[in-house]
Amino acid sequence: MDWLGSKVAGSMASDAVSVPAAQDDNGDPQANGTNQEAQSGETETLSKRQKKKLLKQQQWEEQRDLRKQKRKERKQQRRLERQTLTEDGTECPTRKRLRREVEPSPLRLVIDCSFDNLMILKDVKKLHKQIQRCYAENRRAAHPVQFYITSHGGQLKQNMDEINKGWVNWKDVHIKPEHFHEVLSREDLVYLTSDSPNVLQELDENKAYVIGGLVDHNHHKGISFERAKELGIAHAQLPLGSFVKMNSRKVLAVNHVFEILLAYLEKRDWKEAFFTVLPQRKGAVPVGQEDTQEQGDGDEEEDSDRDSSPYEAATEKTQEDTKDQSNDQLKDAS
């Protein structure tokens, strides 16, 4: 009996020891407090932007069923509307947008992307967006041009591969890794640069006009003009100063130049082409009406840097010189 009692007492003592041990592992308030502090520390390390993003993601997930229900209701509503129109004998409107008649132009427009090493990644991404805009505008133009992208490689190609892999399926565009003067005949090339003393009066649709693919914020002024002279090819500037007065810095993005040329092919009027394309933030007004726009001059100078390219409109002095040269050329021709 004494042996049995000692056995039971020993077992109880063992249980008494094991219970605190379990409490140390699972129920220790200090250990739990440490875990909570670690979790709260992870939350506190999130920035305000990360917290806001996390909250938006949670809200998006919570509203998933609601969005699905709304889509279903809209689809059902459209179905009912089509049924009603059919019962009334009314012809259902087509969902496809009718495309106007297109007459392709033989004119070639080239974006020279050989300035890749002069740009930081941020500006390369801007150039990518401008090229996308050029492609989209050419696809829906009344007179689409023969579109070339040359010297395609480096940061630009890498960015396009990462962000927009669909570029490999683009239609009606020639994307070449070679330089433009290796792809096209030098006799046909005209480099568009605001530093050129030659002012375009009309577009020769048998020529290939080159636009410098560089977002440089005016850090590399004159580089496209120097390149044209080095290669011994023709160069010219748009007649911007003859028709337009801008409040901001006279800088045009790559897509602005591209779209202006597309607009000219359709309208055959430089003034109308400029004012169809130039953004309102440029403060563009017709030459001769600038007195009514004196207030606010230069307010958007910093903003214009976002899209700046090597094509910069000439200063007033250069504009006057080019006008005089153009008049002399016309006199000599007559």
C-alpha atoms as a PDB file:
ATOM      1  CA  MET A   1       0.000   0.000   0.000  1.00  0.00           C
ATOM      2  CA  ASP A   2       2.830   2.320   0.837  1.00  0.00           C
ATOM      3  CA  TRP A   3       4.403   1.499  -2.508  1.00  0.00           C
ATOM      4  CA  LEU A   4       1.164   2.348  -4.370  1.00  0.00           C
ATOM      5  CA  GLY A   5       0.803   5.623  -2.505  1.00  0.00           C
ATOM      6  CA  SER A   6       4.308   6.684  -3.319  1.00  0.00           C
ATOM      7  CA  LYS A   7       3.684   5.819  -7.000  1.00  0.00           C
ATOM      8  CA  VAL A   8       0.570   8.031  -7.138  1.00  0.00           C
ATOM      9  CA  ALA A   9       2.337  10.864  -5.327  1.00  0.00           C
ATOM     10  CA  GLY A  10       5.226  10.686  -7.778  1.00  0.00           C
ATOM     11  CA  SER A  11       2.840  10.830 -10.736  1.00  0.00           C
ATOM     12  CA  MET A  12       1.043  13.904  -9.347  1.00  0.00           C
ATOM     13  CA  ALA A  13       4.357  15.629  -8.773  1.00  0.00           C
ATOM     14  CA  SER A  14       5.331  14.916 -12.383  1.00  0.00           C
ATOM     15  CA  ASP A  15       2.033  16.382 -13.633  1.00  0.00           C
ATOM     16  CA  ALA A  16       2.557  19.440 -11.482  1.00  0.00           C
ATOM     17  CA  VAL A  17       5.917  20.017 -13.099  1.00  0.00           C
ATOM     18  CA  SER A  18       4.663  19.504 -16.654  1.00  0.00           C
ATOM     19  CA  VAL A  19       1.788  21.976 -16.372  1.00  0.00           C
ATOM     20  CA  PRO A  20       3.971  25.075 -15.787  1.00  0.00           C
ATOM     21  CA  ALA A  21       6.220  23.920 -18.586  1.00  0.00           C
ATOM     22  CA  ALA A  22       3.274  23.869 -20.945  1.00  0.00           C
ATOM     23  CA  GLN A  23       2.253  27.291 -19.717  1.00  0.00           C
ATOM     24  CA  ASP A  24       5.737  28.596 -20.473  1.00  0.00           C
ATOM     25  CA  ASP A  25       5.409  27.382 -24.067  1.00  0.00           C
ATOM     26  CA  ASN A  26       1.816  28.345 -24.816  1.00  0.00           C
ATOM     27  CA  GLY A  27       0.397  30.583 -22.156  1.00  0.00           C
ATOM     28  CA  ASP A  28       3.265  32.830 -21.139  1.00  0.00           C
ATOM     29  CA  PRO A  29       1.875  36.408 -21.326  1.00  0.00           C
ATOM     30  CA  GLN A  30       5.348  37.800 -21.883  1.00  0.00           C
ATOM     31  CA  ALA A  31       6.006  35.497 -24.858  1.00  0.00           C
ATOM     32  CA  ASN A  32       2.636  36.398 -26.406  1.00  0.00           C
ATOM     33  CA  GLY A  33       3.344  40.038 -25.859  1.00  0.00           C
ATOM     34  CA  THR A  34       6.650  39.689 -27.701  1.00  0.00           C
ATOM     35  CA  ASN A  35       4.906  38.050 -30.681  1.00  0.00           C
ATOM     36  CA  GLN A  36       2.284  40.800 -30.800  1.00  0.00           C
ATOM     37  CA  GLU A  37       4.970  43.456 -30.673  1.00  0.00           C
ATOM     38  CA  ALA A  38       6.774  41.793 -33.581  1.00  0.00           C
ATOM     39  CA  GLN A  39       3.572  41.741 -35.653  1.00  0.00           C
ATOM     40  CA  SER A  40       2.744  45.349 -34.831  1.00  0.00           C
ATOM     41  CA  GLY A  41       6.338  46.256 -35.693  1.00  0.00           C
ATOM     42  CA  GLU A  42       5.882  44.771 -39.167  1.00  0.00           C
ATOM     43  CA  THR A  43       2.722  46.842 -39.610  1.00  0.00           C
ATOM     44  CA  GLU A  44       4.451  50.016 -38.455  1.00  0.00           C
ATOM     45  CA  THR A  45       7.252  49.516 -40.986  1.00  0.00           C
ATOM     46  CA  LEU A  46       4.747  49.947 -43.849  1.00  0.00           C
ATOM     47  CA  SER A  47       4.793  53.394 -45.384  1.00  0.00           C
ATOM     48  CA  LYS A  48       1.614  55.431 -45.810  1.00  0.00           C
ATOM     49  CA  ARG A  49       1.562  54.595 -49.507  1.00  0.00           C
ATOM     50  CA  GLN A  50       1.894  50.865 -48.783  1.00  0.00           C
ATOM     51  CA  LYS A  51      -0.872  51.008 -46.175  1.00  0.00           C
ATOM     52  CA  LYS A  52      -3.108  52.867 -48.611  1.00  0.00           C
ATOM     53  CA  LYS A  53      -2.350  50.329 -51.340  1.00  0.00           C
ATOM     54  CA  LEU A  54      -3.099  47.454 -48.967  1.00  0.00           C
ATOM     55  CA  LEU A  55      -6.405  49.054 -47.961  1.00  0.00           C
ATOM     56  CA  LYS A  56      -7.413  49.563 -51.603  1.00  0.00           C
ATOM     57  CA  GLN A  57      -6.561  45.934 -52.343  1.00  0.00           C
ATOM     58  CA  GLN A  58      -8.758  44.788 -49.438  1.00  0.00           C
ATOM     59  CA  GLN A  59     -11.630  46.968 -50.632  1.00  0.00           C
ATOM     60  CA  TRP A  60     -11.200  45.634 -54.168  1.00  0.00           C
ATOM     61  CA  GLU A  61     -11.447  42.050 -52.916  1.00  0.00           C
ATOM     62  CA  GLU A  62     -14.473  42.851 -50.735  1.00  0.00           C
ATOM     63  CA  GLN A  63     -16.330  44.401 -53.679  1.00  0.00           C
ATOM     64  CA  ARG A  64     -15.551  41.586 -56.132  1.00  0.00           C
ATOM     65  CA  ASP A  65     -19.027  40.022 -55.868  1.00  0.00           C
ATOM     66  CA  LEU A  66     -20.676  43.433 -56.175  1.00  0.00           C
ATOM     67  CA  ARG A  67     -18.791  44.214 -59.395  1.00  0.00           C
ATOM     68  CA  LYS A  68     -19.699  40.820 -60.804  1.00  0.00           C
ATOM     69  CA  GLN A  69     -23.354  41.445 -60.040  1.00  0.00           C
ATOM     70  CA  LYS A  70     -23.279  44.884 -61.683  1.00  0.00           C
ATOM     71  CA  ARG A  71     -21.703  43.453 -64.841  1.00  0.00           C
ATOM     72  CA  LYS A  72     -24.385  40.804 -64.981  1.00  0.00           C
ATOM     73  CA  GLU A  73     -27.111  43.455 -64.581  1.00  0.00           C
ATOM     74  CA  ARG A  74     -25.634  45.641 -67.349  1.00  0.00           C
ATOM     75  CA  LYS A  75     -25.379  42.664 -69.679  1.00  0.00           C
ATOM     76  CA  GLN A  76     -28.975  41.716 -68.971  1.00  0.00           C
ATOM     77  CA  GLN A  77     -30.100  45.311 -69.524  1.00  0.00           C
ATOM     78  CA  ARG A  78     -28.403  45.448 -72.938  1.00  0.00           C
ATOM     79  CA  ARG A  79     -29.996  42.144 -73.893  1.00  0.00           C
ATOM     80  CA  LEU A  80     -33.442  43.483 -72.977  1.00  0.00           C
ATOM     81  CA  GLU A  81     -32.832  46.661 -74.982  1.00  0.00           C
ATOM     82  CA  ARG A  82     -31.858  44.651 -78.058  1.00  0.00           C
ATOM     83  CA  GLN A  83     -34.945  42.460 -77.686  1.00  0.00           C
ATOM     84  CA  THR A  84     -37.166  45.539 -77.438  1.00  0.00           C
ATOM     85  CA  LEU A  85     -35.625  47.059 -80.567  1.00  0.00           C
ATOM     86  CA  THR A  86     -36.074  43.789 -82.449  1.00  0.00           C
ATOM     87  CA  GLU A  87     -39.720  43.490 -81.442  1.00  0.00           C
ATOM     88  CA  ASP A  88     -40.379  47.067 -82.558  1.00  0.00           C
ATOM     89  CA  GLY A  89     -38.753  46.377 -85.908  1.00  0.00           C
ATOM     90  CA  THR A  90     -35.955  48.885 -85.248  1.00  0.00           C
ATOM     91  CA  GLU A  91     -32.530  48.091 -86.639  1.00  0.00           C
ATOM     92  CA  CYS A  92     -29.998  47.536 -83.876  1.00  0.00           C
ATOM     93  CA  PRO A  93     -27.053  49.967 -84.037  1.00  0.00           C
ATOM     94  CA  THR A  94     -23.751  48.306 -84.851  1.00  0.00           C
ATOM     95  CA  ARG A  95     -21.227  48.141 -82.035  1.00  0.00           C
ATOM     96  CA  LYS A  96     -18.299  48.468 -84.408  1.00  0.00           C
ATOM     97  CA  ARG A  97     -17.066  51.976 -85.191  1.00  0.00           C
ATOM     98  CA  LEU A  98     -17.131  52.690 -88.894  1.00  0.00           C
ATOM     99  CA  ARG A  99     -13.647  53.532 -90.115  1.00  0.00           C
ATOM    100  CA  ARG A 100     -13.354  56.371 -92.564  1.00  0.00           C
ATOM    101  CA  GLU A 101     -11.790  55.788 -95.941  1.00  0.00           C
ATOM    102  CA  VAL A 102      -8.034  55.503 -95.724  1.00  0.00           C
ATOM    103  CA  GLU A 103      -5.564  56.499 -98.407  1.00  0.00           C
ATOM    104  CA  PRO A 104      -2.003  55.555 -97.369  1.00  0.00           C
ATOM    105  CA  SER A 105       0.732  58.066 -98.097  1.00  0.00           C
ATOM    106  CA  PRO A 106       4.090  57.044 -99.586  1.00  0.00           C
ATOM    107  CA  LEU A 107       5.789  59.520 -97.239  1.00  0.00           C
ATOM    108  CA  ARG A 108       8.128  57.857 -94.739  1.00  0.00           C
ATOM    109  CA  LEU A 109       8.416  59.007 -91.124  1.00  0.00           C
ATOM    110  CA  VAL A 110      11.370  57.722 -89.129  1.00  0.00           C
ATOM    111  CA  ILE A 111      12.012  57.873 -85.376  1.00  0.00           C
ATOM    112  CA  ASP A 112      15.767  57.742 -84.801  1.00  0.00           C
ATOM    113  CA  CYS A 113      16.308  55.895 -81.496  1.00  0.00           C
ATOM    114  CA  SER A 114      20.104  56.038 -81.550  1.00  0.00           C
ATOM    115  CA  PHE A 115      20.228  58.404 -78.537  1.00  0.00           C
ATOM    116  CA  ASP A 116      19.436  55.617 -76.057  1.00  0.00           C
ATOM    117  CA  ASN A 117      22.693  56.000 -74.120  1.00  0.00           C
ATOM    118  CA  LEU A 118      21.994  59.705 -73.481  1.00  0.00           C
ATOM    119  CA  MET A 119      18.785  59.077 -71.520  1.00  0.00           C
ATOM    120  CA  ILE A 120      17.999  57.840 -68.044  1.00  0.00           C
ATOM    121  CA  LEU A 121      15.379  55.095 -67.705  1.00  0.00           C
ATOM    122  CA  LYS A 122      12.670  57.598 -66.742  1.00  0.00           C
ATOM    123  CA  ASP A 123      13.084  59.438 -70.052  1.00  0.00           C
ATOM    124  CA  VAL A 124      13.329  56.175 -72.005  1.00  0.00           C
ATOM    125  CA  LYS A 125       9.895  55.270 -70.637  1.00  0.00           C
ATOM    126  CA  LYS A 126       8.572  58.648 -71.808  1.00  0.00           C
ATOM    127  CA  LEU A 127       9.952  58.010 -75.281  1.00  0.00           C
ATOM    128  CA  HIS A 128       8.288  54.591 -75.282  1.00  0.00           C
ATOM    129  CA  LYS A 129       4.917  56.208 -74.550  1.00  0.00           C
ATOM    130  CA  GLN A 130       5.459  58.778 -77.295  1.00  0.00           C
ATOM    131  CA  ILE A 131       6.251  56.023 -79.793  1.00  0.00           C
ATOM    132  CA  GLN A 132       3.102  54.180 -78.743  1.00  0.00           C
ATOM    133  CA  ARG A 133       1.142  57.373 -79.398  1.00  0.00           C
ATOM    134  CA  CYS A 134       2.733  57.739 -82.849  1.00  0.00           C
ATOM    135  CA  TYR A 135       1.813  54.173 -83.730  1.00  0.00           C
ATOM    136  CA  ALA A 136      -1.791  54.592 -82.562  1.00  0.00           C
ATOM    137  CA  GLU A 137      -2.254  57.902 -84.412  1.00  0.00           C
ATOM    138  CA  ASN A 138      -0.808  56.490 -87.627  1.00  0.00           C
ATOM    139  CA  ARG A 139      -3.136  53.489 -87.469  1.00  0.00           C
ATOM    140  CA  ARG A 140      -6.215  55.714 -87.431  1.00  0.00           C
ATOM    141  CA  ALA A 141      -4.946  58.502 -89.701  1.00  0.00           C
ATOM    142  CA  ALA A 142      -6.698  59.404 -92.949  1.00  0.00           C
ATOM    143  CA  HIS A 143      -3.336  59.192 -94.726  1.00  0.00           C
ATOM    144  CA  PRO A 144      -1.113  56.814 -92.729  1.00  0.00           C
ATOM    145  CA  VAL A 145       2.588  57.116 -93.477  1.00  0.00           C
ATOM    146  CA  GLN A 146       5.261  54.461 -93.874  1.00  0.00           C
ATOM    147  CA  PHE A 147       6.401  54.299 -90.253  1.00  0.00           C
ATOM    148  CA  TYR A 148       9.992  53.379 -89.350  1.00  0.00           C
ATOM    149  CA  ILE A 149      11.605  52.945 -85.922  1.00  0.00           C
ATOM    150  CA  THR A 150      15.382  52.598 -86.300  1.00  0.00           C
ATOM    151  CA  SER A 151      18.311  51.884 -83.962  1.00  0.00           C
ATOM    152  CA  HIS A 152      15.851  49.893 -81.865  1.00  0.00           C
ATOM    153  CA  GLY A 153      17.674  48.310 -78.944  1.00  0.00           C
ATOM    154  CA  GLY A 154      19.221  49.041 -75.559  1.00  0.00           C
ATOM    155  CA  GLN A 155      17.057  50.437 -72.766  1.00  0.00           C
ATOM    156  CA  LEU A 156      14.151  51.192 -75.097  1.00  0.00           C
ATOM    157  CA  LYS A 157      13.797  47.633 -76.379  1.00  0.00           C
ATOM    158  CA  GLN A 158      14.205  46.234 -72.868  1.00  0.00           C
ATOM    159  CA  ASN A 159      11.488  48.559 -71.554  1.00  0.00           C
ATOM    160  CA  MET A 160       9.150  47.641 -74.423  1.00  0.00           C
ATOM    161  CA  ASP A 161       9.761  43.926 -73.787  1.00  0.00           C
ATOM    162  CA  GLU A 162       8.918  44.330 -70.110  1.00  0.00           C
ATOM    163  CA  ILE A 163       5.925  46.671 -70.343  1.00  0.00           C
ATOM    164  CA  ASN A 164       4.416  46.128 -73.780  1.00  0.00           C
ATOM    165  CA  LYS A 165       5.329  42.742 -75.243  1.00  0.00           C
ATOM    166  CA  GLY A 166       2.623  43.213 -77.859  1.00  0.00           C
ATOM    167  CA  TRP A 167       4.881  45.548 -79.853  1.00  0.00           C
ATOM    168  CA  VAL A 168       6.200  42.519 -81.744  1.00  0.00           C
ATOM    169  CA  ASN A 169       2.727  42.197 -83.300  1.00  0.00           C
ATOM    170  CA  TRP A 170       2.444  45.842 -84.401  1.00  0.00           C
ATOM    171  CA  LYS A 171       1.246  46.217 -87.967  1.00  0.00           C
ATOM    172  CA  ASP A 172       2.312  48.668 -90.669  1.00  0.00           C
ATOM    173  CA  VAL A 173       5.541  49.635 -88.935  1.00  0.00           C
ATOM    174  CA  HIS A 174       9.169  48.801 -89.755  1.00  0.00           C
ATOM    175  CA  ILE A 175      11.182  48.271 -86.561  1.00  0.00           C
ATOM    176  CA  LYS A 176      14.878  47.987 -87.316  1.00  0.00           C
ATOM    177  CA  PRO A 177      17.985  47.610 -85.127  1.00  0.00           C
ATOM    178  CA  GLU A 178      20.068  49.332 -87.837  1.00  0.00           C
ATOM    179  CA  HIS A 179      20.610  53.093 -88.140  1.00  0.00           C
ATOM    180  CA  PHE A 180      18.159  54.971 -90.355  1.00  0.00           C
ATOM    181  CA  HIS A 181      20.836  55.863 -92.920  1.00  0.00           C
ATOM    182  CA  GLU A 182      21.589  52.150 -93.288  1.00  0.00           C
ATOM    183  CA  VAL A 183      17.946  51.321 -93.949  1.00  0.00           C
ATOM    184  CA  LEU A 184      16.977  54.180 -96.269  1.00  0.00           C
ATOM    185  CA  SER A 185      18.740  56.010 -99.074  1.00  0.00           C
ATOM    186  CA  ARG A 186      20.599  59.098 -97.869  1.00  0.00           C
ATOM    187  CA  GLU A 187      19.309  61.084-100.858  1.00  0.00           C
ATOM    188  CA  ASP A 188      15.746  60.630 -99.552  1.00  0.00           C
ATOM    189  CA  LEU A 189      16.455  61.617 -95.935  1.00  0.00           C
ATOM    190  CA  VAL A 190      15.490  64.925 -94.305  1.00  0.00           C
ATOM    191  CA  TYR A 191      16.306  65.306 -90.606  1.00  0.00           C
ATOM    192  CA  LEU A 192      13.799  67.500 -88.763  1.00  0.00           C
ATOM    193  CA  THR A 193      15.575  69.810 -86.331  1.00  0.00           C
ATOM    194  CA  SER A 194      14.749  73.282 -85.103  1.00  0.00           C
ATOM    195  CA  ASP A 195      18.406  74.295 -85.465  1.00  0.00           C
ATOM    196  CA  SER A 196      18.259  73.943 -89.234  1.00  0.00           C
ATOM    197  CA  PRO A 197      18.127  77.220 -91.210  1.00  0.00           C
ATOM    198  CA  ASN A 198      15.855  75.532 -93.766  1.00  0.00           C
ATOM    199  CA  VAL A 199      12.114  75.912 -93.229  1.00  0.00           C
ATOM    200  CA  LEU A 200       9.698  73.364 -94.652  1.00  0.00           C
ATOM    201  CA  GLN A 201       7.087  74.886 -96.920  1.00  0.00           C
ATOM    202  CA  GLU A 202       5.547  71.630 -98.130  1.00  0.00           C
ATOM    203  CA  LEU A 203       6.068  67.930 -97.534  1.00  0.00           C
ATOM    204  CA  ASP A 204       7.619  65.904-100.318  1.00  0.00           C
ATOM    205  CA  GLU A 205       5.924  62.517-100.098  1.00  0.00           C
ATOM    206  CA  ASN A 206       8.860  60.877-101.834  1.00  0.00           C
ATOM    207  CA  LYS A 207      11.131  61.806 -98.929  1.00  0.00           C
ATOM    208  CA  ALA A 208      11.804  60.168 -95.562  1.00  0.00           C
ATOM    209  CA  TYR A 209      11.577  62.633 -92.653  1.00  0.00           C
ATOM    210  CA  VAL A 210      13.558  61.742 -89.536  1.00  0.00           C
ATOM    211  CA  ILE A 211      12.525  62.705 -85.985  1.00  0.00           C
ATOM    212  CA  GLY A 212      15.135  62.443 -83.214  1.00  0.00           C
ATOM    213  CA  GLY A 213      13.943  59.978 -80.569  1.00  0.00           C
ATOM    214  CA  LEU A 214      15.383  61.755 -77.556  1.00  0.00           C
ATOM    215  CA  VAL A 215      13.710  63.095 -74.410  1.00  0.00           C
ATOM    216  CA  ASP A 216      16.499  65.398 -73.310  1.00  0.00           C
ATOM    217  CA  HIS A 217      14.953  68.369 -71.449  1.00  0.00           C
ATOM    218  CA  ASN A 218      17.164  70.535 -73.667  1.00  0.00           C
ATOM    219  CA  HIS A 219      20.366  69.037 -72.194  1.00  0.00           C
ATOM    220  CA  HIS A 220      21.627  68.077 -75.657  1.00  0.00           C
ATOM    221  CA  LYS A 221      20.603  71.066 -77.720  1.00  0.00           C
ATOM    222  CA  GLY A 222      21.612  70.876 -81.372  1.00  0.00           C
ATOM    223  CA  ILE A 223      22.585  67.207 -81.316  1.00  0.00           C
ATOM    224  CA  SER A 224      20.194  66.188 -84.107  1.00  0.00           C
ATOM    225  CA  PHE A 225      21.387  69.073 -86.303  1.00  0.00           C
ATOM    226  CA  GLU A 226      25.004  68.022 -85.775  1.00  0.00           C
ATOM    227  CA  ARG A 227      24.135  64.437 -86.621  1.00  0.00           C
ATOM    228  CA  ALA A 228      22.488  65.470 -89.887  1.00  0.00           C
ATOM    229  CA  LYS A 229      25.572  67.497 -90.852  1.00  0.00           C
ATOM    230  CA  GLU A 230      27.926  64.647 -89.951  1.00  0.00           C
ATOM    231  CA  LEU A 231      25.974  62.254 -92.152  1.00  0.00           C
ATOM    232  CA  GLY A 232      25.728  64.791 -94.960  1.00  0.00           C
ATOM    233  CA  ILE A 233      21.945  64.549 -95.252  1.00  0.00           C
ATOM    234  CA  ALA A 234      19.316  67.237 -95.759  1.00  0.00           C
ATOM    235  CA  HIS A 235      17.759  68.931 -92.741  1.00  0.00           C
ATOM    236  CA  ALA A 236      14.856  71.306 -92.098  1.00  0.00           C
ATOM    237  CA  GLN A 237      12.588  72.701 -89.411  1.00  0.00           C
ATOM    238  CA  LEU A 238       8.809  72.935 -89.284  1.00  0.00           C
ATOM    239  CA  PRO A 239       7.388  76.412 -90.062  1.00  0.00           C
ATOM    240  CA  LEU A 240       6.157  76.732 -86.481  1.00  0.00           C
ATOM    241  CA  GLY A 241       7.373  80.298 -85.953  1.00  0.00           C
ATOM    242  CA  SER A 242       5.450  81.523 -88.994  1.00  0.00           C
ATOM    243  CA  PHE A 243       2.081  80.500 -87.571  1.00  0.00           C
ATOM    244  CA  VAL A 244       2.328  79.916 -83.821  1.00  0.00           C
ATOM    245  CA  LYS A 245       3.305  81.903 -80.735  1.00  0.00           C
ATOM    246  CA  MET A 246       3.645  79.806 -77.562  1.00  0.00           C
ATOM    247  CA  ASN A 247       3.716  80.965 -73.944  1.00  0.00           C
ATOM    248  CA  SER A 248       5.770  78.015 -72.741  1.00  0.00           C
ATOM    249  CA  ARG A 249       9.201  76.877 -73.901  1.00  0.00           C
ATOM    250  CA  LYS A 250       9.022  76.120 -77.582  1.00  0.00           C
ATOM    251  CA  VAL A 251       9.575  72.374 -77.279  1.00  0.00           C
ATOM    252  CA  LEU A 252       7.693  69.668 -79.169  1.00  0.00           C
ATOM    253  CA  ALA A 253       7.551  66.030 -78.134  1.00  0.00           C
ATOM    254  CA  VAL A 254       8.290  63.289 -80.654  1.00  0.00           C
ATOM    255  CA  ASN A 255       4.613  62.413 -80.987  1.00  0.00           C
ATOM    256  CA  HIS A 256       3.679  66.096 -81.459  1.00  0.00           C
ATOM    257  CA  VAL A 257       5.953  66.389 -84.500  1.00  0.00           C
ATOM    258  CA  PHE A 258       4.669  63.063 -85.830  1.00  0.00           C
ATOM    259  CA  GLU A 259       1.006  64.065 -85.393  1.00  0.00           C
ATOM    260  CA  ILE A 260       1.550  67.505 -86.953  1.00  0.00           C
ATOM    261  CA  LEU A 261       2.910  65.872 -90.095  1.00  0.00           C
ATOM    262  CA  LEU A 262      -0.058  63.466 -90.193  1.00  0.00           C
ATOM    263  CA  ALA A 263      -2.449  66.405 -89.769  1.00  0.00           C
ATOM    264  CA  TYR A 264      -0.739  68.332 -92.583  1.00  0.00           C
ATOM    265  CA  LEU A 265      -1.118  65.367 -94.942  1.00  0.00           C
ATOM    266  CA  GLU A 266      -4.853  65.451 -94.245  1.00  0.00           C
ATOM    267  CA  LYS A 267      -5.493  69.209 -94.158  1.00  0.00           C
ATOM    268  CA  ARG A 268      -2.686  70.558 -96.366  1.00  0.00           C
ATOM    269  CA  ASP A 269      -2.553  73.604 -94.117  1.00  0.00           C
ATOM    270  CA  TRP A 270       0.277  74.165 -91.624  1.00  0.00           C
ATOM    271  CA  LYS A 271      -1.636  76.509 -89.355  1.00  0.00           C
ATOM    272  CA  GLU A 272      -4.577  74.149 -89.031  1.00  0.00           C
ATOM    273  CA  ALA A 273      -2.227  71.210 -88.487  1.00  0.00           C
ATOM    274  CA  PHE A 274      -0.385  72.999 -85.655  1.00  0.00           C
ATOM    275  CA  PHE A 275      -3.508  74.043 -83.788  1.00  0.00           C
ATOM    276  CA  THR A 276      -5.086  70.613 -84.203  1.00  0.00           C
ATOM    277  CA  VAL A 277      -2.180  68.940 -82.417  1.00  0.00           C
ATOM    278  CA  LEU A 278      -0.472  71.343 -79.997  1.00  0.00           C
ATOM    279  CA  PRO A 279      -1.670  70.802 -76.397  1.00  0.00           C
ATOM    280  CA  GLN A 280      -3.469  73.639 -74.619  1.00  0.00           C
ATOM    281  CA  ARG A 281      -0.812  73.771 -71.889  1.00  0.00           C
ATOM    282  CA  LYS A 282       1.600  75.125 -74.496  1.00  0.00           C
ATOM    283  CA  GLY A 283      -0.500  78.317 -74.648  1.00  0.00           C
ATOM    284  CA  ALA A 284      -0.297  78.347 -78.453  1.00  0.00           C
ATOM    285  CA  VAL A 285      -1.921  81.321 -80.201  1.00  0.00           C
ATOM    286  CA  PRO A 286      -1.791  82.437 -83.831  1.00  0.00           C
ATOM    287  CA  VAL A 287       1.004  84.843 -84.708  1.00  0.00           C
ATOM    288  CA  GLY A 288      -0.361  88.393 -84.487  1.00  0.00           C
ATOM    289  CA  GLN A 289      -2.747  87.588 -81.621  1.00  0.00           C
ATOM    290  CA  GLU A 290      -0.127  87.162 -78.911  1.00  0.00           C
ATOM    291  CA  ASP A 291      -1.044  90.532 -77.318  1.00  0.00           C
ATOM    292  CA  THR A 292      -4.266  88.973 -76.035  1.00  0.00           C
ATOM    293  CA  GLN A 293      -2.270  86.212 -74.339  1.00  0.00           C
ATOM    294  CA  GLU A 294       0.379  88.244 -72.539  1.00  0.00           C
ATOM    295  CA  GLN A 295      -0.744  87.158 -69.082  1.00  0.00           C
ATOM    296  CA  GLY A 296       0.639  83.828 -67.955  1.00  0.00           C
ATOM    297  CA  ASP A 297       3.679  83.812 -70.249  1.00  0.00           C
ATOM    298  CA  GLY A 298       6.122  81.194 -69.079  1.00  0.00           C
ATOM    299  CA  ASP A 299       3.780  79.700 -66.473  1.00  0.00           C
ATOM    300  CA  GLU A 300       4.123  76.248 -67.979  1.00  0.00           C
ATOM    301  CA  GLU A 301       7.808  76.303 -68.807  1.00  0.00           C
ATOM    302  CA  GLU A 302       8.675  73.688 -66.208  1.00  0.00           C
ATOM    303  CA  ASP A 303       5.717  71.504 -67.193  1.00  0.00           C
ATOM    304  CA  SER A 304       6.818  71.400 -70.821  1.00  0.00           C
ATOM    305  CA  ASP A 305       9.997  69.610 -69.804  1.00  0.00           C
ATOM    306  CA  ARG A 306       7.989  66.449 -69.316  1.00  0.00           C
ATOM    307  CA  ASP A 307       7.739  65.824 -73.035  1.00  0.00           C
ATOM    308  CA  SER A 308      10.700  67.726 -74.392  1.00  0.00           C
ATOM    309  CA  SER A 309      12.559  66.281 -77.348  1.00  0.00           C
ATOM    310  CA  PRO A 310      15.449  67.442 -79.533  1.00  0.00           C
ATOM    311  CA  TYR A 311      12.929  69.126 -81.813  1.00  0.00           C
ATOM    312  CA  GLU A 312      12.731  72.601 -80.265  1.00  0.00           C
ATOM    313  CA  ALA A 313      11.094  75.462 -82.083  1.00  0.00           C
ATOM    314  CA  ALA A 314      13.415  78.286 -83.038  1.00  0.00           C
ATOM    315  CA  THR A 315      13.705  81.468 -80.992  1.00  0.00           C
ATOM    316  CA  GLU A 316      12.188  84.674 -82.308  1.00  0.00           C
ATOM    317  CA  LYS A 317      15.510  85.772 -83.785  1.00  0.00           C
ATOM    318  CA  THR A 318      15.943  82.472 -85.587  1.00  0.00           C
ATOM    319  CA  GLN A 319      12.343  82.667 -86.780  1.00  0.00           C
ATOM    320  CA  GLU A 320      12.972  86.066 -88.346  1.00  0.00           C
ATOM    321  CA  ASP A 321      16.182  84.845 -89.984  1.00  0.00           C
ATOM    322  CA  THR A 322      14.479  81.773 -91.425  1.00  0.00           C
ATOM    323  CA  LYS A 323      11.604  83.894 -92.741  1.00  0.00           C
ATOM    324  CA  ASP A 324      14.084  86.164 -94.534  1.00  0.00           C
ATOM    325  CA  GLN A 325      15.907  83.160 -95.975  1.00  0.00           C
ATOM    326  CA  SER A 326      12.630  81.629 -97.126  1.00  0.00           C
ATOM    327  CA  ASN A 327      11.612  84.876 -98.836  1.00  0.00           C
ATOM    328  CA  ASP A 328      15.016  85.088-100.574  1.00  0.00           C
ATOM    329  CA  GLN A 329      14.639  81.493-101.756  1.00  0.00           C
ATOM    330  CA  LEU A 330      11.172  82.225-103.135  1.00  0.00           C
ATOM    331  CA  LYS A 331      12.478  85.315-104.967  1.00  0.00           C
ATOM    332  CA  ASP A 332      15.345  83.338-106.456  1.00  0.00           C
ATOM    333  CA  ALA A 333      12.959  80.572-107.542  1.00  0.00           C
ATOM    334  CA  SER A 334      10.652  83.085-109.212  1.00  0.00           C
END
